[in-house]
Amino acid sequence: MQDGVIATVLVYVDDIICATNKEGWKTRFFAELNQKYGLKDLCRLNNYLGIQVDWKEDGILLHQSKFAEEVLERFGFADAVGCRSPMDTTVKLRVVKEDDKESTLPYREAVGALMYLATGTRPDLAFPVRYPSRFVQHQNLSHDGALKRVLRYLAATKNHVVVFKHQGGRADQILKIDVLLMPIGEIARTRGRALQAT
């Protein structure tokens, strides 16, 4: 921290996010990057590594709606009838036997695409994808069914978002986190330290 400047810079190959409390510092920073490497400031962040960022007056929305639509299209579920839950908890997936009918779904690719959503903005997909992912080496129609259910759930929820709402301008900020438009809790913080989580 120099001259009261607080800055965080995230770099992934040629994608850079810069967050700072001093606009002048950011302007100089990007001017130097442009001069040395030809990197430009694209102003306010709206997309980073496939995660879309929508700015609202009271907070920020993060989502992967575009990628979710691409996944559904890629695996033939663009027009699928959605379902309300990502997995059937009564189905127990088992190791493949010799006489099982083989999978018809590009299983490994589907697992990978759904994992990317789960690690980005869709934590609700984490377990429903992790469970069938244990069978990427050998799978049968029941494993296909589990992944197809996740894809049907995605078809119904492709526009879900993670919402970070800023509430109040007090010294201790309360950041209300709504995941998929459903409140999961609040974190009360002072000077960057969590005081209480509910």
Protein backbone atom coordinates (compact mmCIF):
# COMPACT_ATOMS: atom_id res chain seq x y z
CA MET A 1 0.00 0.00 0.00
CA GLN A 2 1.51 3.27 -1.14
CA ASP A 3 -0.12 6.70 -0.79
CA GLY A 4 -3.26 5.07 0.56
CA VAL A 5 -3.70 2.93 -2.55
CA ILE A 6 -5.26 -0.46 -2.02
CA ALA A 7 -5.19 -2.62 -5.15
CA THR A 8 -5.85 -6.23 -6.02
CA VAL A 9 -4.76 -7.53 -9.41
CA LEU A 10 -5.78 -10.98 -10.67
CA VAL A 11 -4.03 -12.34 -13.75
CA TYR A 12 -4.94 -15.38 -15.83
CA VAL A 13 -2.87 -15.58 -19.04
CA ASP A 14 -3.88 -12.32 -20.74
CA ASP A 15 -7.02 -11.60 -18.68
CA ILE A 16 -6.53 -9.12 -15.85
CA ILE A 17 -8.90 -7.87 -13.17
CA CYS A 18 -7.86 -4.80 -11.23
CA ALA A 19 -9.76 -3.56 -8.19
CA THR A 20 -8.57 -0.44 -6.40
CA ASN A 21 -9.76 2.41 -4.25
CA LYS A 22 -7.93 5.00 -6.43
CA GLU A 23 -9.07 5.43 -10.04
CA GLY A 24 -5.93 7.44 -10.89
CA TRP A 25 -3.70 4.54 -9.87
CA LYS A 26 -5.66 2.15 -12.10
CA THR A 27 -5.38 4.56 -15.04
CA ARG A 28 -1.59 4.79 -14.64
CA PHE A 29 -1.31 1.02 -14.14
CA PHE A 30 -3.11 0.24 -17.39
CA ALA A 31 -1.25 2.98 -19.26
CA GLU A 32 2.02 1.23 -18.34
CA LEU A 33 0.64 -2.19 -19.30
CA ASN A 34 -0.53 -0.78 -22.62
CA GLN A 35 2.83 0.84 -23.31
CA LYS A 36 4.86 -2.28 -22.45
CA TYR A 37 2.56 -5.12 -23.54
CA GLY A 38 -0.31 -3.63 -25.55
CA LEU A 39 -2.89 -4.52 -22.86
CA LYS A 40 -5.91 -2.25 -22.70
CA ASP A 41 -8.29 -1.32 -19.91
CA LEU A 42 -11.73 -2.53 -20.96
CA CYS A 43 -13.27 -0.51 -18.11
CA ARG A 44 -15.86 -2.11 -15.88
CA LEU A 45 -15.64 -5.89 -15.63
CA ASN A 46 -18.47 -7.69 -17.43
CA ASN A 47 -16.97 -11.10 -18.23
CA TYR A 48 -14.06 -13.04 -16.78
CA LEU A 49 -13.19 -16.61 -17.77
CA GLY A 50 -16.77 -17.27 -18.87
CA ILE A 51 -18.37 -15.79 -15.77
CA GLN A 52 -20.65 -12.90 -16.62
CA VAL A 53 -20.75 -9.94 -14.23
CA ASP A 54 -23.83 -7.70 -14.09
CA TRP A 55 -23.55 -4.52 -12.04
CA LYS A 56 -26.61 -3.33 -10.13
CA GLU A 57 -27.01 -0.34 -7.85
CA ASP A 58 -27.24 -2.52 -4.74
CA GLY A 59 -24.75 -5.23 -5.69
CA ILE A 60 -23.25 -7.52 -8.29
CA LEU A 61 -24.71 -10.53 -10.10
CA LEU A 62 -22.41 -13.35 -11.24
CA HIS A 63 -23.69 -15.98 -13.63
CA GLN A 64 -22.78 -18.39 -16.41
CA SER A 65 -26.06 -18.31 -18.35
CA LYS A 66 -24.36 -18.15 -21.74
CA PHE A 67 -22.09 -21.11 -20.95
CA ALA A 68 -25.05 -23.06 -19.51
CA GLU A 69 -26.93 -22.56 -22.78
CA GLU A 70 -23.86 -23.72 -24.74
CA VAL A 71 -23.62 -26.86 -22.56
CA LEU A 72 -27.30 -27.65 -23.07
CA GLU A 73 -26.97 -27.17 -26.83
CA ARG A 74 -23.80 -29.27 -27.01
CA PHE A 75 -25.38 -32.27 -25.29
CA GLY A 76 -28.80 -32.02 -26.97
CA PHE A 77 -30.74 -30.57 -24.03
CA ALA A 78 -31.45 -27.06 -25.36
CA ASP A 79 -35.17 -27.85 -25.64
CA ALA A 80 -35.34 -30.30 -22.74
CA VAL A 81 -38.15 -30.19 -20.21
CA GLY A 82 -36.54 -29.02 -16.99
CA CYS A 83 -36.82 -30.67 -13.60
CA ARG A 84 -36.87 -29.16 -10.12
CA SER A 85 -34.00 -31.09 -8.52
CA PRO A 86 -30.59 -32.06 -9.90
CA MET A 87 -30.58 -35.66 -8.70
CA ASP A 88 -32.74 -38.52 -7.54
CA THR A 89 -31.50 -39.34 -4.05
CA THR A 90 -33.04 -42.83 -4.18
CA VAL A 91 -30.83 -43.94 -7.09
CA LYS A 92 -27.56 -45.58 -6.11
CA LEU A 93 -25.03 -45.69 -8.91
CA ARG A 94 -22.96 -48.86 -9.08
CA VAL A 95 -19.85 -50.11 -10.83
CA VAL A 96 -20.48 -51.27 -14.40
CA LYS A 97 -20.96 -55.00 -15.03
CA GLU A 98 -20.08 -56.80 -18.26
CA ASP A 99 -23.69 -57.24 -19.42
CA ASP A 100 -24.67 -53.56 -18.83
CA LYS A 101 -25.63 -51.49 -21.84
CA GLU A 102 -22.97 -48.91 -22.58
CA SER A 103 -23.39 -45.20 -22.15
CA THR A 104 -24.71 -43.24 -25.11
CA LEU A 105 -23.79 -39.81 -23.73
CA PRO A 106 -20.35 -38.18 -24.20
CA TYR A 107 -20.03 -38.75 -20.48
CA ARG A 108 -16.57 -37.40 -19.69
CA GLU A 109 -17.23 -34.18 -21.66
CA ALA A 110 -20.59 -33.66 -19.95
CA VAL A 111 -19.03 -34.15 -16.50
CA GLY A 112 -16.26 -31.67 -17.32
CA ALA A 113 -18.64 -28.98 -18.59
CA LEU A 114 -20.93 -29.36 -15.58
CA MET A 115 -17.94 -29.29 -13.19
CA TYR A 116 -16.87 -25.97 -14.70
CA LEU A 117 -20.33 -24.56 -13.95
CA ALA A 118 -20.22 -25.99 -10.40
CA THR A 119 -16.85 -24.43 -9.63
CA GLY A 120 -17.86 -21.08 -11.11
CA THR A 121 -21.29 -19.84 -10.11
CA ARG A 122 -23.35 -22.99 -9.60
CA PRO A 123 -22.50 -24.59 -6.24
CA ASP A 124 -25.88 -26.35 -6.36
CA LEU A 125 -24.41 -28.61 -9.07
CA ALA A 126 -21.30 -29.63 -7.09
CA PHE A 127 -22.54 -32.85 -5.48
CA PRO A 128 -24.97 -33.89 -8.24
CA VAL A 129 -22.02 -33.75 -10.69
CA ARG A 130 -19.35 -35.10 -8.34
CA TYR A 131 -21.33 -38.28 -7.63
CA PRO A 132 -21.60 -39.51 -11.26
CA SER A 133 -18.11 -38.18 -12.01
CA ARG A 134 -16.71 -41.15 -10.06
CA PHE A 135 -17.71 -43.32 -13.01
CA VAL A 136 -16.04 -41.48 -15.91
CA GLN A 137 -13.88 -44.51 -16.79
CA HIS A 138 -16.81 -46.93 -17.20
CA GLN A 139 -20.46 -45.98 -17.27
CA ASN A 140 -23.80 -47.49 -18.21
CA LEU A 141 -27.30 -46.19 -18.87
CA SER A 142 -28.00 -45.55 -15.16
CA HIS A 143 -24.98 -43.24 -15.03
CA ASP A 144 -26.26 -41.53 -18.18
CA GLY A 145 -29.60 -41.07 -16.44
CA ALA A 146 -27.97 -39.34 -13.48
CA LEU A 147 -26.12 -36.88 -15.74
CA LYS A 148 -29.18 -36.32 -17.93
CA ARG A 149 -31.13 -35.37 -14.83
CA VAL A 150 -28.47 -32.76 -13.97
CA LEU A 151 -28.72 -31.44 -17.53
CA ARG A 152 -32.53 -31.24 -17.28
CA TYR A 153 -32.15 -29.37 -13.98
CA LEU A 154 -29.70 -27.02 -15.68
CA ALA A 155 -32.27 -26.43 -18.44
CA ALA A 156 -34.73 -25.27 -15.77
CA THR A 157 -32.19 -23.15 -13.87
CA LYS A 158 -29.78 -21.86 -16.54
CA ASN A 159 -30.49 -18.25 -15.60
CA HIS A 160 -29.75 -18.63 -11.89
CA VAL A 161 -27.25 -16.17 -10.48
CA VAL A 162 -25.06 -15.55 -7.46
CA VAL A 163 -25.94 -12.17 -5.95
CA PHE A 164 -23.58 -10.12 -3.81
CA LYS A 165 -25.62 -7.33 -2.23
CA HIS A 166 -23.94 -4.39 -0.56
CA GLN A 167 -26.04 -3.12 2.32
CA GLY A 168 -25.23 0.10 4.08
CA GLY A 169 -22.14 2.28 4.20
CA ARG A 170 -21.23 1.69 7.83
CA ALA A 171 -17.75 0.89 9.08
CA ASP A 172 -18.86 -2.69 9.54
CA GLN A 173 -20.32 -3.83 6.26
CA ILE A 174 -22.89 -6.52 5.90
CA LEU A 175 -22.58 -8.49 2.71
CA LYS A 176 -25.73 -10.46 2.05
CA ILE A 177 -25.11 -13.40 -0.24
CA ASP A 178 -28.00 -14.80 -2.25
CA VAL A 179 -27.00 -17.90 -4.16
CA LEU A 180 -29.35 -18.76 -6.99
CA LEU A 181 -31.74 -16.11 -5.71
CA MET A 182 -32.17 -18.08 -2.48
CA PRO A 183 -30.66 -16.52 0.68
CA ILE A 184 -28.08 -18.74 2.33
CA GLY A 185 -26.72 -16.42 4.96
CA GLU A 186 -25.05 -13.22 5.99
CA ILE A 187 -21.47 -12.40 6.85
CA ALA A 188 -20.88 -9.44 9.14
CA ARG A 189 -17.38 -8.01 8.67
CA THR A 190 -15.25 -5.31 10.23
CA ARG A 191 -11.93 -4.34 8.65
CA GLY A 192 -12.06 -7.47 6.49
CA ARG A 193 -12.52 -9.90 9.38
CA ALA A 194 -15.64 -12.00 9.73
CA LEU A 195 -17.45 -11.31 12.98
CA GLN A 196 -20.42 -13.57 12.50
CA ALA A 197 -21.83 -15.86 9.84
CA THR A 198 -25.42 -17.00 9.82
